[in-house]
Amino acid sequence: QVQLVESGGGLVQAGGSLRLSCACTTSGRTFSRYAMAWFRQAPGKEREFVANISWSGSSTYYADSVKGRFTISRDNAKNTVYLQMNSLKSEDTAVYYCAAKSGDTLSPILRLWGSWGQGTQVTVSS
């Protein structure tokens, strides 16, 4: 079982930066055996893929809308995954969710990610 707790959200002006963190608590399988991801959901819209990262951190994938601006990373010693968000735009406003899945196959498909955090609000003012 995996428990995920996001933090780091807030209000920022367009062009600014934020770093989200997701602390992971596991029972059984170690954190380093979970692929991790970030998704987001804007008001009135479906939850969408943002970025994911493999066990070791050697493989990462991004949605086209954030490529070049966001960076996902992980620290397996701290059981934490991060999302560094730069050059933020108003359209990045959403609740950001951390997700985990066992196995090292990465996917942008929401239903394949079995564990979710409660989300953290990011609001970008223009």
N, C-alpha and C. Protein backbone atom coordinates (compact mmCIF):
# COMPACT_ATOMS: atom_id res chain seq x y z
N GLN A 1 0.84 -1.19 0.00
CA GLN A 1 0.00 0.00 0.00
C GLN A 1 0.88 1.24 0.00
N VAL A 2 0.42 2.25 -0.69
CA VAL A 2 1.19 3.48 -0.85
C VAL A 2 0.34 4.66 -0.42
N GLN A 3 0.93 5.53 0.37
CA GLN A 3 0.28 6.79 0.73
C GLN A 3 1.11 7.93 0.21
N LEU A 4 0.44 8.88 -0.43
CA LEU A 4 1.12 10.00 -1.08
C LEU A 4 0.59 11.31 -0.54
N VAL A 5 1.50 12.23 -0.22
CA VAL A 5 1.10 13.54 0.30
C VAL A 5 1.84 14.62 -0.48
N GLU A 6 1.07 15.42 -1.21
CA GLU A 6 1.66 16.50 -1.99
C GLU A 6 1.78 17.78 -1.16
N SER A 7 2.73 18.62 -1.53
CA SER A 7 2.90 19.93 -0.91
C SER A 7 3.59 20.85 -1.90
N GLY A 8 3.59 22.14 -1.58
CA GLY A 8 4.31 23.10 -2.40
C GLY A 8 3.46 23.95 -3.32
N GLY A 9 2.17 23.67 -3.36
CA GLY A 9 1.31 24.48 -4.21
C GLY A 9 1.12 25.88 -3.64
N GLY A 10 0.51 26.74 -4.44
CA GLY A 10 0.27 28.10 -3.98
C GLY A 10 -0.11 29.01 -5.12
N LEU A 11 -0.05 30.31 -4.83
CA LEU A 11 -0.38 31.35 -5.80
C LEU A 11 0.91 31.97 -6.31
N VAL A 12 1.06 32.06 -7.62
CA VAL A 12 2.26 32.61 -8.23
C VAL A 12 1.87 33.42 -9.45
N GLN A 13 2.67 34.43 -9.76
CA GLN A 13 2.40 35.22 -10.95
C GLN A 13 2.88 34.49 -12.20
N ALA A 14 2.27 34.81 -13.31
CA ALA A 14 2.70 34.23 -14.58
C ALA A 14 4.19 34.52 -14.80
N GLY A 15 4.90 33.51 -15.27
CA GLY A 15 6.33 33.61 -15.45
C GLY A 15 7.14 33.15 -14.26
N GLY A 16 6.47 32.93 -13.15
CA GLY A 16 7.15 32.51 -11.93
C GLY A 16 7.36 31.00 -11.88
N SER A 17 7.86 30.56 -10.72
CA SER A 17 8.20 29.15 -10.53
C SER A 17 7.63 28.62 -9.22
N LEU A 18 7.39 27.33 -9.19
CA LEU A 18 7.01 26.60 -7.99
C LEU A 18 7.65 25.23 -8.05
N ARG A 19 7.92 24.65 -6.88
CA ARG A 19 8.36 23.26 -6.83
C ARG A 19 7.40 22.48 -5.95
N LEU A 20 6.78 21.49 -6.55
CA LEU A 20 5.89 20.60 -5.81
C LEU A 20 6.68 19.40 -5.31
N SER A 21 6.27 18.91 -4.14
CA SER A 21 6.86 17.71 -3.57
C SER A 21 5.76 16.70 -3.29
N CYS A 22 6.13 15.43 -3.36
CA CYS A 22 5.20 14.36 -3.03
C CYS A 22 5.95 13.36 -2.16
N ALA A 23 5.58 13.30 -0.89
CA ALA A 23 6.19 12.38 0.04
C ALA A 23 5.43 11.06 0.02
N CYS A 24 6.17 9.98 -0.08
CA CYS A 24 5.57 8.67 -0.24
C CYS A 24 5.86 7.77 0.96
N THR A 25 4.83 7.12 1.48
CA THR A 25 4.98 6.13 2.53
C THR A 25 4.49 4.81 1.98
N THR A 26 5.34 3.78 2.08
CA THR A 26 4.97 2.48 1.53
C THR A 26 4.99 1.40 2.61
N SER A 27 4.19 0.39 2.40
CA SER A 27 4.26 -0.81 3.24
C SER A 27 4.52 -1.97 2.30
N GLY A 28 5.61 -2.69 2.53
CA GLY A 28 5.95 -3.78 1.62
C GLY A 28 6.97 -3.31 0.60
N ARG A 29 6.52 -3.16 -0.62
CA ARG A 29 7.42 -2.75 -1.72
C ARG A 29 8.06 -1.40 -1.40
N THR A 30 9.33 -1.24 -1.72
CA THR A 30 10.02 0.02 -1.43
C THR A 30 9.67 1.07 -2.47
N PHE A 31 9.85 2.32 -2.09
CA PHE A 31 9.54 3.45 -2.96
C PHE A 31 10.25 3.34 -4.29
N SER A 32 11.48 2.87 -4.26
CA SER A 32 12.28 2.81 -5.48
C SER A 32 11.75 1.81 -6.49
N ARG A 33 10.73 1.04 -6.13
CA ARG A 33 10.11 0.09 -7.07
C ARG A 33 8.76 0.60 -7.58
N TYR A 34 8.50 1.86 -7.39
CA TYR A 34 7.28 2.47 -7.93
C TYR A 34 7.65 3.51 -8.99
N ALA A 35 7.02 3.41 -10.13
CA ALA A 35 7.06 4.52 -11.06
C ALA A 35 6.17 5.62 -10.49
N MET A 36 6.53 6.88 -10.75
CA MET A 36 5.80 8.00 -10.18
C MET A 36 5.36 8.97 -11.27
N ALA A 37 4.33 9.71 -10.98
CA ALA A 37 3.81 10.64 -11.98
C ALA A 37 3.12 11.82 -11.32
N TRP A 38 2.96 12.84 -12.14
CA TRP A 38 2.15 13.99 -11.76
C TRP A 38 1.05 14.14 -12.81
N PHE A 39 -0.16 14.37 -12.32
CA PHE A 39 -1.30 14.70 -13.15
C PHE A 39 -1.88 16.02 -12.63
N ARG A 40 -2.77 16.62 -13.39
CA ARG A 40 -3.41 17.85 -12.91
C ARG A 40 -4.86 17.90 -13.42
N GLN A 41 -5.66 18.65 -12.68
CA GLN A 41 -7.06 18.81 -13.06
C GLN A 41 -7.48 20.25 -12.85
N ALA A 42 -7.83 20.89 -13.95
CA ALA A 42 -8.32 22.26 -13.91
C ALA A 42 -9.82 22.24 -13.71
N PRO A 43 -10.40 23.33 -13.20
CA PRO A 43 -11.84 23.39 -12.97
C PRO A 43 -12.62 23.08 -14.24
N GLY A 44 -13.55 22.16 -14.13
CA GLY A 44 -14.41 21.83 -15.25
C GLY A 44 -13.77 20.96 -16.30
N LYS A 45 -12.54 20.50 -16.05
CA LYS A 45 -11.83 19.67 -17.03
C LYS A 45 -11.47 18.32 -16.43
N GLU A 46 -11.14 17.39 -17.31
CA GLU A 46 -10.73 16.08 -16.85
C GLU A 46 -9.29 16.13 -16.35
N ARG A 47 -8.96 15.19 -15.49
CA ARG A 47 -7.59 15.07 -15.01
C ARG A 47 -6.69 14.67 -16.18
N GLU A 48 -5.52 15.31 -16.27
CA GLU A 48 -4.64 15.06 -17.39
C GLU A 48 -3.21 14.78 -16.94
N PHE A 49 -2.51 14.05 -17.75
CA PHE A 49 -1.12 13.70 -17.50
C PHE A 49 -0.22 14.92 -17.61
N VAL A 50 0.76 15.01 -16.71
CA VAL A 50 1.75 16.08 -16.75
C VAL A 50 3.15 15.51 -17.01
N ALA A 51 3.58 14.57 -16.16
CA ALA A 51 4.92 14.01 -16.29
C ALA A 51 5.02 12.71 -15.50
N ASN A 52 5.94 11.83 -15.89
CA ASN A 52 6.21 10.64 -15.10
C ASN A 52 7.69 10.30 -15.13
N ILE A 53 8.07 9.40 -14.22
CA ILE A 53 9.48 9.09 -14.03
C ILE A 53 9.62 7.64 -13.60
N SER A 54 10.67 6.99 -14.11
CA SER A 54 10.91 5.58 -13.82
C SER A 54 11.53 5.39 -12.44
N TRP A 55 11.71 4.10 -12.07
CA TRP A 55 12.27 3.78 -10.75
C TRP A 55 13.55 4.54 -10.47
N SER A 56 14.46 4.48 -11.39
CA SER A 56 15.79 5.04 -11.16
C SER A 56 15.86 6.52 -11.47
N GLY A 57 14.84 7.01 -12.16
CA GLY A 57 14.87 8.39 -12.61
C GLY A 57 15.51 8.57 -13.97
N SER A 58 15.94 7.48 -14.57
CA SER A 58 16.64 7.58 -15.85
C SER A 58 15.71 7.87 -17.02
N SER A 59 14.42 7.54 -16.85
CA SER A 59 13.44 7.81 -17.91
C SER A 59 12.37 8.76 -17.40
N THR A 60 12.10 9.78 -18.19
CA THR A 60 11.04 10.73 -17.86
C THR A 60 10.27 11.08 -19.13
N TYR A 61 9.00 11.38 -18.97
CA TYR A 61 8.15 11.78 -20.09
C TYR A 61 7.28 12.95 -19.64
N TYR A 62 6.97 13.81 -20.59
CA TYR A 62 6.21 15.01 -20.30
C TYR A 62 5.08 15.21 -21.31
N ALA A 63 4.02 15.84 -20.83
CA ALA A 63 2.99 16.30 -21.74
C ALA A 63 3.58 17.41 -22.59
N ASP A 64 3.11 17.51 -23.81
CA ASP A 64 3.64 18.55 -24.71
C ASP A 64 3.45 19.95 -24.13
N SER A 65 2.37 20.13 -23.39
CA SER A 65 2.04 21.46 -22.86
C SER A 65 3.03 21.95 -21.80
N VAL A 66 3.81 21.03 -21.21
CA VAL A 66 4.74 21.44 -20.15
C VAL A 66 6.19 21.16 -20.51
N LYS A 67 6.41 20.51 -21.63
CA LYS A 67 7.78 20.14 -22.02
C LYS A 67 8.65 21.39 -22.15
N GLY A 68 9.83 21.32 -21.54
CA GLY A 68 10.75 22.45 -21.56
C GLY A 68 10.55 23.43 -20.43
N ARG A 69 9.44 23.31 -19.71
CA ARG A 69 9.15 24.22 -18.59
C ARG A 69 9.14 23.48 -17.25
N PHE A 70 8.67 22.25 -17.25
CA PHE A 70 8.55 21.45 -16.02
C PHE A 70 9.61 20.36 -16.02
N THR A 71 10.07 20.01 -14.82
CA THR A 71 11.03 18.93 -14.66
C THR A 71 10.60 18.04 -13.50
N ILE A 72 10.46 16.74 -13.78
CA ILE A 72 10.14 15.78 -12.73
C ILE A 72 11.44 15.12 -12.27
N SER A 73 11.55 14.88 -10.98
CA SER A 73 12.73 14.21 -10.44
C SER A 73 12.31 13.44 -9.18
N ARG A 74 13.20 12.59 -8.70
CA ARG A 74 12.89 11.82 -7.51
C ARG A 74 14.15 11.62 -6.69
N ASP A 75 13.95 11.49 -5.39
CA ASP A 75 15.03 11.17 -4.46
C ASP A 75 14.60 9.92 -3.72
N ASN A 76 15.12 8.77 -4.12
CA ASN A 76 14.68 7.51 -3.53
C ASN A 76 15.12 7.37 -2.07
N ALA A 77 16.15 8.08 -1.68
CA ALA A 77 16.58 8.05 -0.28
C ALA A 77 15.60 8.78 0.63
N LYS A 78 14.88 9.74 0.05
CA LYS A 78 13.91 10.53 0.82
C LYS A 78 12.47 10.13 0.52
N ASN A 79 12.28 9.11 -0.33
CA ASN A 79 10.92 8.67 -0.72
C ASN A 79 10.08 9.84 -1.22
N THR A 80 10.66 10.65 -2.07
CA THR A 80 10.00 11.87 -2.51
C THR A 80 10.18 12.06 -4.01
N VAL A 81 9.13 12.53 -4.64
CA VAL A 81 9.18 12.92 -6.04
C VAL A 81 8.85 14.41 -6.12
N TYR A 82 9.47 15.08 -7.08
CA TYR A 82 9.33 16.53 -7.21
C TYR A 82 8.83 16.90 -8.60
N LEU A 83 8.24 18.08 -8.67
CA LEU A 83 7.89 18.67 -9.96
C LEU A 83 8.30 20.14 -9.91
N GLN A 84 9.39 20.45 -10.60
CA GLN A 84 9.83 21.83 -10.71
C GLN A 84 9.11 22.47 -11.88
N MET A 85 8.40 23.56 -11.60
CA MET A 85 7.59 24.21 -12.62
C MET A 85 8.11 25.63 -12.82
N ASN A 86 8.59 25.89 -14.02
CA ASN A 86 9.12 27.21 -14.37
C ASN A 86 8.27 27.84 -15.47
N SER A 87 8.43 29.13 -15.65
CA SER A 87 7.70 29.85 -16.70
C SER A 87 6.21 29.53 -16.67
N LEU A 88 5.65 29.62 -15.49
CA LEU A 88 4.25 29.23 -15.32
C LEU A 88 3.32 30.15 -16.07
N LYS A 89 2.25 29.55 -16.58
CA LYS A 89 1.23 30.25 -17.34
C LYS A 89 -0.11 30.12 -16.63
N SER A 90 -1.04 31.00 -16.97
CA SER A 90 -2.36 30.93 -16.34
C SER A 90 -3.02 29.58 -16.60
N GLU A 91 -2.75 29.00 -17.75
CA GLU A 91 -3.35 27.72 -18.09
C GLU A 91 -2.77 26.54 -17.30
N ASP A 92 -1.73 26.80 -16.51
CA ASP A 92 -1.20 25.77 -15.61
C ASP A 92 -1.99 25.70 -14.30
N THR A 93 -2.91 26.62 -14.10
CA THR A 93 -3.73 26.61 -12.89
C THR A 93 -4.55 25.32 -12.81
N ALA A 94 -4.39 24.60 -11.71
CA ALA A 94 -5.05 23.31 -11.54
C ALA A 94 -4.72 22.76 -10.17
N VAL A 95 -5.42 21.69 -9.80
CA VAL A 95 -4.99 20.87 -8.68
C VAL A 95 -4.03 19.83 -9.23
N TYR A 96 -2.87 19.74 -8.63
CA TYR A 96 -1.84 18.81 -9.07
C TYR A 96 -1.81 17.59 -8.15
N TYR A 97 -1.85 16.41 -8.79
CA TYR A 97 -1.90 15.15 -8.06
C TYR A 97 -0.65 14.33 -8.34
N CYS A 98 -0.15 13.72 -7.28
CA CYS A 98 0.94 12.76 -7.39
C CYS A 98 0.32 11.36 -7.51
N ALA A 99 0.94 10.50 -8.30
CA ALA A 99 0.43 9.15 -8.48
C ALA A 99 1.58 8.16 -8.52
N ALA A 100 1.28 6.93 -8.13
CA ALA A 100 2.29 5.86 -8.13
C ALA A 100 1.72 4.60 -8.76
N LYS A 101 2.59 3.82 -9.36
CA LYS A 101 2.20 2.51 -9.87
C LYS A 101 3.37 1.55 -9.68
N SER A 102 3.03 0.31 -9.38
CA SER A 102 4.08 -0.70 -9.29
C SER A 102 4.55 -1.06 -10.68
N GLY A 103 5.77 -1.56 -10.80
CA GLY A 103 6.32 -1.83 -12.11
C GLY A 103 6.96 -0.58 -12.69
N ASP A 104 7.81 -0.77 -13.68
CA ASP A 104 8.60 0.36 -14.20
C ASP A 104 8.11 0.83 -15.57
N THR A 105 6.95 0.34 -15.99
CA THR A 105 6.41 0.80 -17.27
C THR A 105 5.75 2.15 -17.08
N LEU A 106 6.13 3.11 -17.89
CA LEU A 106 5.58 4.46 -17.78
C LEU A 106 4.42 4.60 -18.75
N SER A 107 3.39 5.33 -18.31
CA SER A 107 2.22 5.53 -19.14
C SER A 107 1.55 6.84 -18.77
N PRO A 108 0.97 7.53 -19.75
CA PRO A 108 0.20 8.74 -19.44
C PRO A 108 -1.27 8.43 -19.12
N ILE A 109 -1.64 7.14 -19.14
CA ILE A 109 -3.03 6.75 -18.95
C ILE A 109 -3.38 6.75 -17.48
N LEU A 110 -4.34 7.54 -17.11
CA LEU A 110 -4.70 7.79 -15.72
C LEU A 110 -5.06 6.50 -14.99
N ARG A 111 -5.88 5.64 -15.63
CA ARG A 111 -6.42 4.48 -14.91
C ARG A 111 -5.36 3.44 -14.57
N LEU A 112 -4.17 3.56 -15.15
CA LEU A 112 -3.11 2.60 -14.86
C LEU A 112 -2.34 2.94 -13.57
N TRP A 113 -2.61 4.10 -13.02
CA TRP A 113 -1.90 4.54 -11.81
C TRP A 113 -2.79 4.24 -10.61
N GLY A 114 -2.32 3.37 -9.73
CA GLY A 114 -3.18 2.82 -8.69
C GLY A 114 -3.26 3.60 -7.41
N SER A 115 -2.31 4.46 -7.14
CA SER A 115 -2.30 5.19 -5.87
C SER A 115 -2.22 6.69 -6.15
N TRP A 116 -2.98 7.44 -5.37
CA TRP A 116 -3.09 8.89 -5.61
C TRP A 116 -2.99 9.66 -4.30
N GLY A 117 -2.43 10.87 -4.38
CA GLY A 117 -2.46 11.78 -3.26
C GLY A 117 -3.74 12.60 -3.29
N GLN A 118 -3.83 13.51 -2.34
CA GLN A 118 -5.05 14.32 -2.21
C GLN A 118 -5.02 15.57 -3.08
N GLY A 119 -3.86 15.89 -3.61
CA GLY A 119 -3.73 17.03 -4.51
C GLY A 119 -3.28 18.30 -3.81
N THR A 120 -2.67 19.19 -4.59
CA THR A 120 -2.26 20.50 -4.09
C THR A 120 -2.60 21.55 -5.15
N GLN A 121 -3.18 22.66 -4.72
CA GLN A 121 -3.66 23.68 -5.65
C GLN A 121 -2.52 24.57 -6.12
N VAL A 122 -2.46 24.75 -7.43
CA VAL A 122 -1.54 25.71 -8.03
C VAL A 122 -2.38 26.74 -8.78
N THR A 123 -2.19 28.01 -8.44
CA THR A 123 -2.92 29.07 -9.11
C THR A 123 -1.92 30.07 -9.67
N VAL A 124 -2.02 30.30 -10.98
CA VAL A 124 -1.12 31.22 -11.67
C VAL A 124 -1.93 32.43 -12.09
N SER A 125 -1.55 33.58 -11.58
CA SER A 125 -2.26 34.81 -11.92
C SER A 125 -1.58 35.50 -13.09
N SER A 126 -2.39 36.03 -13.97
CA SER A 126 -1.85 36.68 -15.18
C SER A 126 -1.75 38.18 -15.00
